[in-house]
């Protein structure tokens, strides 16, 4: 009986062990070492490394490859343990100009705004949204009512 109880407690504790979650598209150092500044361009980098996690916008001519390692215990919120970003900066001719490496210590926390964006449309209560789906299909939409048995003129 003690062995059975011990095995249940052990399995319960092991199910709460932290899980490692790997996210992103971060190329390994050996693959990046193949690239040559001043010779490789966007096309060759796409062939060697694949699609970036995201591309620069608003005049930022760069590719970004992001990877992170998170840990999570059971149902609790995951925590970022390690985070890396590789930036491949290009000149105006799309030739590789420089490579930058950022880790979690280089990151900055950004506060989210509490403001809401209002959108247009009809405001309906929950009850009217639920009941709005009942009734005769096609009502008020113009055109024939499907399945009514009426033939088109």
C-alpha atoms as a PDB file:
ATOM      1  CA  UNK A   1       0.000   0.000   0.000  1.00  0.00           C
ATOM      2  CA  UNK A   2       2.878   2.369   0.822  1.00  0.00           C
ATOM      3  CA  UNK A   3       4.478   1.715  -2.556  1.00  0.00           C
ATOM      4  CA  UNK A   4       1.200   2.451  -4.325  1.00  0.00           C
ATOM      5  CA  UNK A   5       0.738   5.717  -2.390  1.00  0.00           C
ATOM      6  CA  UNK A   6       4.369   6.681  -3.030  1.00  0.00           C
ATOM      7  CA  UNK A   7       3.988   6.047  -6.780  1.00  0.00           C
ATOM      8  CA  UNK A   8       0.831   8.212  -6.934  1.00  0.00           C
ATOM      9  CA  UNK A   9       2.583  11.078  -5.130  1.00  0.00           C
ATOM     10  CA  UNK A  10       5.644  10.699  -7.362  1.00  0.00           C
ATOM     11  CA  UNK A  11       3.555  10.743 -10.556  1.00  0.00           C
ATOM     12  CA  UNK A  12       1.649  13.816  -9.297  1.00  0.00           C
ATOM     13  CA  UNK A  13       4.883  15.688  -8.624  1.00  0.00           C
ATOM     14  CA  UNK A  14       6.412  14.693 -11.961  1.00  0.00           C
ATOM     15  CA  UNK A  15       3.345  15.968 -13.837  1.00  0.00           C
ATOM     16  CA  UNK A  16       3.996  19.401 -12.334  1.00  0.00           C
ATOM     17  CA  UNK A  17       7.593  19.473 -13.569  1.00  0.00           C
ATOM     18  CA  UNK A  18       8.477  22.416 -15.737  1.00  0.00           C
ATOM     19  CA  UNK A  19       8.240  22.021 -19.490  1.00  0.00           C
ATOM     20  CA  UNK A  20      10.611  23.679 -21.928  1.00  0.00           C
ATOM     21  CA  UNK A  21       8.942  25.359 -24.891  1.00  0.00           C
ATOM     22  CA  UNK A  22      11.073  26.419 -27.872  1.00  0.00           C
ATOM     23  CA  UNK A  23       9.571  29.021 -30.205  1.00  0.00           C
ATOM     24  CA  UNK A  24      10.821  30.888 -33.231  1.00  0.00           C
ATOM     25  CA  UNK A  25      13.091  30.548 -36.211  1.00  0.00           C
ATOM     26  CA  UNK A  26      16.636  31.133 -35.012  1.00  0.00           C
ATOM     27  CA  UNK A  27      19.366  29.712 -37.280  1.00  0.00           C
ATOM     28  CA  UNK A  28      22.361  27.985 -35.711  1.00  0.00           C
ATOM     29  CA  UNK A  29      25.784  29.665 -35.545  1.00  0.00           C
ATOM     30  CA  UNK A  30      27.370  27.311 -38.111  1.00  0.00           C
ATOM     31  CA  UNK A  31      24.822  28.264 -40.755  1.00  0.00           C
ATOM     32  CA  UNK A  32      25.184  31.991 -40.041  1.00  0.00           C
ATOM     33  CA  UNK A  33      28.990  31.719 -40.301  1.00  0.00           C
ATOM     34  CA  UNK A  34      28.584  30.786 -43.996  1.00  0.00           C
ATOM     35  CA  UNK A  35      27.189  34.252 -44.787  1.00  0.00           C
ATOM     36  CA  UNK A  36      29.547  36.969 -46.003  1.00  0.00           C
ATOM     37  CA  UNK A  37      28.992  40.675 -45.424  1.00  0.00           C
ATOM     38  CA  UNK A  38      29.155  42.586 -48.694  1.00  0.00           C
ATOM     39  CA  UNK A  39      28.560  39.471 -50.833  1.00  0.00           C
ATOM     40  CA  UNK A  40      25.317  37.830 -49.734  1.00  0.00           C
ATOM     41  CA  UNK A  41      21.985  39.463 -50.513  1.00  0.00           C
ATOM     42  CA  UNK A  42      18.366  39.001 -49.447  1.00  0.00           C
ATOM     43  CA  UNK A  43      17.824  36.177 -51.943  1.00  0.00           C
ATOM     44  CA  UNK A  44      20.817  34.134 -50.812  1.00  0.00           C
ATOM     45  CA  UNK A  45      19.934  34.616 -47.152  1.00  0.00           C
ATOM     46  CA  UNK A  46      16.394  33.387 -47.807  1.00  0.00           C
ATOM     47  CA  UNK A  47      17.817  30.301 -49.532  1.00  0.00           C
ATOM     48  CA  UNK A  48      20.268  29.557 -46.715  1.00  0.00           C
ATOM     49  CA  UNK A  49      18.246  30.505 -43.622  1.00  0.00           C
ATOM     50  CA  UNK A  50      14.645  30.385 -44.839  1.00  0.00           C
ATOM     51  CA  UNK A  51      11.966  32.999 -44.204  1.00  0.00           C
ATOM     52  CA  UNK A  52      12.713  35.413 -41.345  1.00  0.00           C
ATOM     53  CA  UNK A  53      10.488  35.734 -38.299  1.00  0.00           C
ATOM     54  CA  UNK A  54       9.682  39.237 -39.540  1.00  0.00           C
ATOM     55  CA  UNK A  55      11.006  41.847 -41.946  1.00  0.00           C
ATOM     56  CA  UNK A  56      11.822  45.462 -41.180  1.00  0.00           C
ATOM     57  CA  UNK A  57       9.260  48.093 -42.040  1.00  0.00           C
ATOM     58  CA  UNK A  58       9.106  51.874 -42.284  1.00  0.00           C
ATOM     59  CA  UNK A  59      12.502  52.208 -43.966  1.00  0.00           C
ATOM     60  CA  UNK A  60      14.220  49.497 -41.906  1.00  0.00           C
ATOM     61  CA  UNK A  61      15.843  47.276 -44.533  1.00  0.00           C
ATOM     62  CA  UNK A  62      16.473  44.263 -42.273  1.00  0.00           C
ATOM     63  CA  UNK A  63      15.501  40.649 -41.679  1.00  0.00           C
ATOM     64  CA  UNK A  64      14.935  39.454 -38.125  1.00  0.00           C
ATOM     65  CA  UNK A  65      15.191  35.852 -36.918  1.00  0.00           C
ATOM     66  CA  UNK A  66      13.793  35.358 -33.417  1.00  0.00           C
ATOM     67  CA  UNK A  67      14.030  32.407 -31.053  1.00  0.00           C
ATOM     68  CA  UNK A  68      13.025  31.952 -27.433  1.00  0.00           C
ATOM     69  CA  UNK A  69      13.099  29.307 -24.733  1.00  0.00           C
ATOM     70  CA  UNK A  70      10.247  29.402 -22.239  1.00  0.00           C
ATOM     71  CA  UNK A  71       9.485  27.289 -19.192  1.00  0.00           C
ATOM     72  CA  UNK A  72       6.011  26.454 -17.993  1.00  0.00           C
ATOM     73  CA  UNK A  73       4.774  24.643 -14.921  1.00  0.00           C
ATOM     74  CA  UNK A  74       1.351  22.977 -15.258  1.00  0.00           C
ATOM     75  CA  UNK A  75      -1.302  25.630 -15.913  1.00  0.00           C
ATOM     76  CA  UNK A  76       0.778  28.627 -14.782  1.00  0.00           C
ATOM     77  CA  UNK A  77       1.842  31.374 -17.178  1.00  0.00           C
ATOM     78  CA  UNK A  78       5.045  30.606 -19.088  1.00  0.00           C
ATOM     79  CA  UNK A  79       8.234  32.546 -18.355  1.00  0.00           C
ATOM     80  CA  UNK A  80      10.850  33.531 -20.930  1.00  0.00           C
ATOM     81  CA  UNK A  81      14.204  32.035 -19.897  1.00  0.00           C
ATOM     82  CA  UNK A  82      16.225  32.897 -23.008  1.00  0.00           C
ATOM     83  CA  UNK A  83      15.457  35.074 -26.013  1.00  0.00           C
ATOM     84  CA  UNK A  84      17.656  35.765 -29.014  1.00  0.00           C
ATOM     85  CA  UNK A  85      17.276  37.959 -32.093  1.00  0.00           C
ATOM     86  CA  UNK A  86      19.507  37.964 -35.151  1.00  0.00           C
ATOM     87  CA  UNK A  87      19.248  41.087 -37.296  1.00  0.00           C
ATOM     88  CA  UNK A  88      20.554  41.023 -40.848  1.00  0.00           C
ATOM     89  CA  UNK A  89      20.856  44.624 -42.044  1.00  0.00           C
ATOM     90  CA  UNK A  90      20.977  45.351 -45.782  1.00  0.00           C
ATOM     91  CA  UNK A  91      22.100  48.374 -47.777  1.00  0.00           C
ATOM     92  CA  UNK A  92      19.916  50.096 -50.389  1.00  0.00           C
ATOM     93  CA  UNK A  93      20.937  47.471 -53.002  1.00  0.00           C
ATOM     94  CA  UNK A  94      19.744  44.637 -50.686  1.00  0.00           C
ATOM     95  CA  UNK A  95      23.317  43.421 -50.069  1.00  0.00           C
ATOM     96  CA  UNK A  96      24.161  42.256 -46.521  1.00  0.00           C
ATOM     97  CA  UNK A  97      25.664  45.211 -44.662  1.00  0.00           C
ATOM     98  CA  UNK A  98      25.895  43.981 -41.055  1.00  0.00           C
ATOM     99  CA  UNK A  99      24.730  41.279 -38.624  1.00  0.00           C
ATOM    100  CA  UNK A 100      23.611  42.101 -35.092  1.00  0.00           C
ATOM    101  CA  UNK A 101      22.897  39.676 -32.251  1.00  0.00           C
ATOM    102  CA  UNK A 102      20.568  40.603 -29.380  1.00  0.00           C
ATOM    103  CA  UNK A 103      19.734  38.605 -26.277  1.00  0.00           C
ATOM    104  CA  UNK A 104      17.181  39.018 -23.498  1.00  0.00           C
ATOM    105  CA  UNK A 105      19.360  41.577 -21.694  1.00  0.00           C
ATOM    106  CA  UNK A 106      19.053  43.884 -24.735  1.00  0.00           C
ATOM    107  CA  UNK A 107      15.259  43.856 -24.621  1.00  0.00           C
ATOM    108  CA  UNK A 108      12.990  46.554 -23.236  1.00  0.00           C
ATOM    109  CA  UNK A 109       9.605  46.026 -21.628  1.00  0.00           C
ATOM    110  CA  UNK A 110       6.888  47.991 -23.379  1.00  0.00           C
ATOM    111  CA  UNK A 111       3.787  49.040 -21.474  1.00  0.00           C
ATOM    112  CA  UNK A 112       0.551  48.255 -23.256  1.00  0.00           C
ATOM    113  CA  UNK A 113      -2.001  51.026 -23.637  1.00  0.00           C
ATOM    114  CA  UNK A 114      -5.262  50.723 -21.760  1.00  0.00           C
ATOM    115  CA  UNK A 115      -7.092  52.732 -24.437  1.00  0.00           C
ATOM    116  CA  UNK A 116      -9.652  50.986 -26.630  1.00  0.00           C
ATOM    117  CA  UNK A 117     -10.234  51.393 -30.334  1.00  0.00           C
ATOM    118  CA  UNK A 118     -13.899  51.941 -31.080  1.00  0.00           C
ATOM    119  CA  UNK A 119     -15.237  50.296 -34.197  1.00  0.00           C
ATOM    120  CA  UNK A 120     -18.333  51.133 -36.191  1.00  0.00           C
ATOM    121  CA  UNK A 121     -21.282  48.862 -36.642  1.00  0.00           C
ATOM    122  CA  UNK A 122     -24.498  48.004 -34.921  1.00  0.00           C
ATOM    123  CA  UNK A 123     -24.355  47.523 -31.171  1.00  0.00           C
ATOM    124  CA  UNK A 124     -26.427  44.532 -30.127  1.00  0.00           C
ATOM    125  CA  UNK A 125     -27.039  42.961 -26.784  1.00  0.00           C
ATOM    126  CA  UNK A 126     -25.967  39.378 -26.183  1.00  0.00           C
ATOM    127  CA  UNK A 127     -29.601  38.234 -26.252  1.00  0.00           C
ATOM    128  CA  UNK A 128     -30.305  39.920 -29.603  1.00  0.00           C
ATOM    129  CA  UNK A 129     -27.155  38.363 -31.090  1.00  0.00           C
ATOM    130  CA  UNK A 130     -28.252  34.897 -29.974  1.00  0.00           C
ATOM    131  CA  UNK A 131     -31.870  35.284 -31.049  1.00  0.00           C
ATOM    132  CA  UNK A 132     -30.892  37.009 -34.301  1.00  0.00           C
ATOM    133  CA  UNK A 133     -29.793  33.672 -35.714  1.00  0.00           C
ATOM    134  CA  UNK A 134     -33.261  32.167 -35.436  1.00  0.00           C
ATOM    135  CA  UNK A 135     -36.063  32.685 -37.922  1.00  0.00           C
ATOM    136  CA  UNK A 136     -36.567  32.276 -41.632  1.00  0.00           C
ATOM    137  CA  UNK A 137     -33.275  32.239 -43.565  1.00  0.00           C
ATOM    138  CA  UNK A 138     -32.903  34.952 -46.167  1.00  0.00           C
ATOM    139  CA  UNK A 139     -35.455  37.220 -44.485  1.00  0.00           C
ATOM    140  CA  UNK A 140     -34.819  40.837 -45.406  1.00  0.00           C
ATOM    141  CA  UNK A 141     -31.784  40.028 -47.503  1.00  0.00           C
ATOM    142  CA  UNK A 142     -33.490  40.217 -50.894  1.00  0.00           C
ATOM    143  CA  UNK A 143     -33.524  37.274 -53.228  1.00  0.00           C
ATOM    144  CA  UNK A 144     -35.233  33.916 -52.995  1.00  0.00           C
ATOM    145  CA  UNK A 145     -35.665  32.046 -49.766  1.00  0.00           C
ATOM    146  CA  UNK A 146     -33.773  28.809 -50.146  1.00  0.00           C
ATOM    147  CA  UNK A 147     -35.790  25.686 -49.551  1.00  0.00           C
ATOM    148  CA  UNK A 148     -39.142  27.533 -49.680  1.00  0.00           C
ATOM    149  CA  UNK A 149     -40.461  25.472 -52.583  1.00  0.00           C
ATOM    150  CA  UNK A 150     -41.114  28.597 -54.690  1.00  0.00           C
ATOM    151  CA  UNK A 151     -39.916  28.439 -58.262  1.00  0.00           C
ATOM    152  CA  UNK A 152     -38.053  31.341 -59.827  1.00  0.00           C
ATOM    153  CA  UNK A 153     -40.097  33.402 -62.292  1.00  0.00           C
END
